């Protein structure tokens, strides 16, 4: 072959059947790839985006729920502290009232015991004074009998009564 016979023009070397075959193969490949690769890939990507959107919504909801639960917990804690303070105040008031009642009861009991003790002492003193008077009258009567030979019971009683009246004051 001669170099002159060789056609080195690239456009003259293109075979139209090969071009058409390549176009057909590319078109078929394009539709097959679109049908079996791109469409499922796009569907998966859309589903993934939907899942991300759903997850973002759930995250936002959970964050709001978390904030709300924190707020509710703080409010519940504040309410519990207030209730505890109220219970403490009521318990203190009840303890003070109980203490006052106990003191009042103790005072009444002590007063009653004191009065009964005073009455008992007065009764014993009265009986002791009566017995002392009787013994003193008898002693004065015996002394008068020993000294004078005769004893006047009424005079002895009057003397003992005057003596006892001076000493009791």
Protein backbone atom coordinates (compact mmCIF):
# COMPACT_ATOMS: atom_id res chain seq x y z
CA UNK A 1 0.00 0.00 0.00
CA UNK A 2 1.05 3.21 -0.88
CA UNK A 3 0.99 6.09 1.41
CA UNK A 4 -0.91 8.08 -1.08
CA UNK A 5 -3.59 5.52 -1.17
CA UNK A 6 -4.12 5.69 2.51
CA UNK A 7 -6.79 8.03 3.49
CA UNK A 8 -5.74 9.61 6.73
CA UNK A 9 -8.76 11.85 7.09
CA UNK A 10 -10.49 10.84 10.31
CA UNK A 11 -13.93 11.79 9.04
CA UNK A 12 -13.64 9.50 6.10
CA UNK A 13 -12.76 6.61 8.37
CA UNK A 14 -16.06 6.76 10.36
CA UNK A 15 -18.43 3.97 9.48
CA UNK A 16 -22.10 5.09 9.80
CA UNK A 17 -23.25 1.60 10.87
CA UNK A 18 -20.84 1.63 13.80
CA UNK A 19 -22.05 5.08 14.77
CA UNK A 20 -25.68 3.95 14.65
CA UNK A 21 -24.81 0.76 16.57
CA UNK A 22 -23.00 2.81 19.25
CA UNK A 23 -25.97 5.18 19.50
CA UNK A 24 -28.37 2.23 19.86
CA UNK A 25 -26.13 0.55 22.46
CA UNK A 26 -25.79 3.81 24.40
CA UNK A 27 -29.55 4.41 24.28
CA UNK A 28 -30.36 0.87 25.42
CA UNK A 29 -27.68 1.13 28.13
CA UNK A 30 -29.09 4.46 29.23
CA UNK A 31 -32.65 3.06 29.55
CA UNK A 32 -31.47 -0.13 31.22
CA UNK A 33 -29.32 1.78 33.70
CA UNK A 34 -32.16 4.17 34.36
CA UNK A 35 -34.61 1.33 34.89
CA UNK A 36 -32.45 -1.00 36.98
CA UNK A 37 -29.95 1.30 38.68
CA UNK A 38 -30.88 4.99 38.71
CA UNK A 39 -34.60 4.58 39.53
CA UNK A 40 -34.01 2.22 42.50
CA UNK A 41 -31.13 4.44 43.64
CA UNK A 42 -33.35 7.52 43.50
CA UNK A 43 -36.12 5.62 45.31
CA UNK A 44 -33.67 4.60 48.05
CA UNK A 45 -32.40 8.16 48.31
CA UNK A 46 -35.96 9.51 48.57
CA UNK A 47 -36.79 6.94 51.25
CA UNK A 48 -33.58 7.85 53.09
CA UNK A 49 -34.52 11.53 52.94
CA UNK A 50 -37.98 10.70 54.28
CA UNK A 51 -36.42 8.67 57.10
CA UNK A 52 -34.08 11.57 57.87
CA UNK A 53 -37.02 13.97 57.92
CA UNK A 54 -38.97 11.60 60.19
CA UNK A 55 -35.92 11.20 62.45
CA UNK A 56 -35.45 14.97 62.57
CA UNK A 57 -39.10 15.36 63.54
CA UNK A 58 -38.73 12.71 66.24
CA UNK A 59 -35.56 14.36 67.53
CA UNK A 60 -37.37 17.70 67.72
CA UNK A 61 -40.33 16.04 69.45
CA UNK A 62 -38.05 14.26 71.91
CA UNK A 63 -36.17 17.49 72.61
CA UNK A 64 -39.48 19.25 73.28
CA UNK A 65 -40.60 16.34 75.45
CA UNK A 66 -37.28 16.51 77.29
CA UNK A 67 -37.67 20.24 77.89
CA UNK A 68 -41.26 19.73 79.00
CA UNK A 69 -40.29 16.90 81.35
CA UNK A 70 -37.51 19.06 82.83
CA UNK A 71 -40.03 21.86 83.35
CA UNK A 72 -42.54 19.42 84.87
CA UNK A 73 -39.85 17.95 87.12
CA UNK A 74 -38.83 21.40 88.34
CA UNK A 75 -42.45 22.35 88.94
CA UNK A 76 -43.08 19.05 90.76
CA UNK A 77 -39.95 19.56 92.85
CA UNK A 78 -41.03 23.10 93.72
CA UNK A 79 -44.53 21.85 94.61
CA UNK A 80 -43.05 19.07 96.75
CA UNK A 81 -40.76 21.54 98.53
CA UNK A 82 -43.71 23.84 99.18
CA UNK A 83 -45.82 20.92 100.44
CA UNK A 84 -42.95 19.77 102.67
CA UNK A 85 -42.61 23.28 104.09
CA UNK A 86 -46.36 23.40 104.72
CA UNK A 87 -46.24 20.01 106.45
CA UNK A 88 -43.27 21.15 108.53
CA UNK A 89 -45.12 24.33 109.59
CA UNK A 90 -48.26 22.36 110.44
CA UNK A 91 -46.23 19.82 112.41
CA UNK A 92 -44.50 22.63 114.30
CA UNK A 93 -47.88 24.23 115.08
CA UNK A 94 -49.30 20.87 116.22
CA UNK A 95 -46.22 20.24 118.37
CA UNK A 96 -46.56 23.69 119.93
CA UNK A 97 -50.28 23.14 120.57
CA UNK A 98 -49.52 19.70 122.06
CA UNK A 99 -46.82 21.24 124.25
CA UNK A 100 -49.22 23.95 125.45
CA UNK A 101 -51.90 21.33 126.15
CA UNK A 102 -49.43 19.17 128.07
CA UNK A 103 -48.22 22.18 130.07
CA UNK A 104 -51.79 23.23 130.78
CA UNK A 105 -52.72 19.70 131.86
CA UNK A 106 -49.57 19.48 134.00
CA UNK A 107 -50.31 22.84 135.60
CA UNK A 108 -53.91 21.83 136.32
CA UNK A 109 -52.74 18.52 137.73
CA UNK A 110 -50.07 20.25 139.83
CA UNK A 111 -52.61 22.81 141.02
CA UNK A 112 -55.09 20.08 141.93
CA UNK A 113 -52.34 18.11 143.69
CA UNK A 114 -51.23 21.27 145.53
CA UNK A 115 -54.78 22.04 146.62
CA UNK A 116 -55.40 18.48 147.77
CA UNK A 117 -52.03 18.53 149.57
CA UNK A 118 -52.92 21.82 151.25
CA UNK A 119 -56.31 20.45 152.23
CA UNK A 120 -54.70 17.31 153.61
CA UNK A 121 -52.11 19.37 155.50
CA UNK A 122 -54.87 21.63 156.83
CA UNK A 123 -56.87 18.58 157.90
CA UNK A 124 -53.85 16.99 159.56
CA UNK A 125 -52.92 20.30 161.14
CA UNK A 126 -56.49 20.71 162.38
CA UNK A 127 -56.52 17.22 163.87
CA UNK A 128 -53.00 17.75 165.30
CA UNK A 129 -54.08 21.10 166.79
CA UNK A 130 -57.20 19.51 168.26
CA UNK A 131 -55.13 16.71 169.75
CA UNK A 132 -52.48 19.20 170.97
CA UNK A 133 -55.20 21.37 172.53
CA UNK A 134 -56.72 18.39 174.28
CA UNK A 135 -53.31 17.30 175.59
CA UNK A 136 -52.43 20.87 176.60
CA UNK A 137 -55.73 21.28 178.44
CA UNK A 138 -55.10 17.99 180.21
CA UNK A 139 -51.53 19.02 181.11
CA UNK A 140 -52.67 22.44 182.41
CA UNK A 141 -55.43 20.69 184.33
CA UNK A 142 -52.91 18.26 185.88
CA UNK A 143 -50.51 21.11 186.65
CA UNK A 144 -53.30 23.08 188.33
CA UNK A 145 -54.31 20.02 190.29
CA UNK A 146 -50.72 19.46 191.39
CA UNK A 147 -50.16 23.08 192.29
CA UNK A 148 -53.55 24.19 193.57
CA UNK A 149 -55.18 20.89 194.35
CA UNK A 150 -58.22 21.80 192.25
CA UNK A 151 -58.47 22.26 188.52
CA UNK A 152 -61.06 24.33 186.70
CA UNK A 153 -61.52 22.77 183.30
CA UNK A 154 -62.94 25.93 181.70
CA UNK A 155 -60.10 28.11 183.01
CA UNK A 156 -57.53 25.59 181.73
CA UNK A 157 -59.20 25.56 178.29
CA UNK A 158 -59.28 29.38 178.17
CA UNK A 159 -55.59 29.60 179.13
CA UNK A 160 -54.60 27.03 176.49
CA UNK A 161 -56.72 28.79 173.83
CA UNK A 162 -55.05 32.17 174.56
CA UNK A 163 -51.59 30.60 174.51
CA UNK A 164 -52.28 28.80 171.23
CA UNK A 165 -53.75 31.94 169.70
CA UNK A 166 -50.50 33.85 170.41
CA UNK A 167 -48.19 31.10 169.09
CA UNK A 168 -50.13 30.36 165.87
CA UNK A 169 -49.88 33.90 164.55
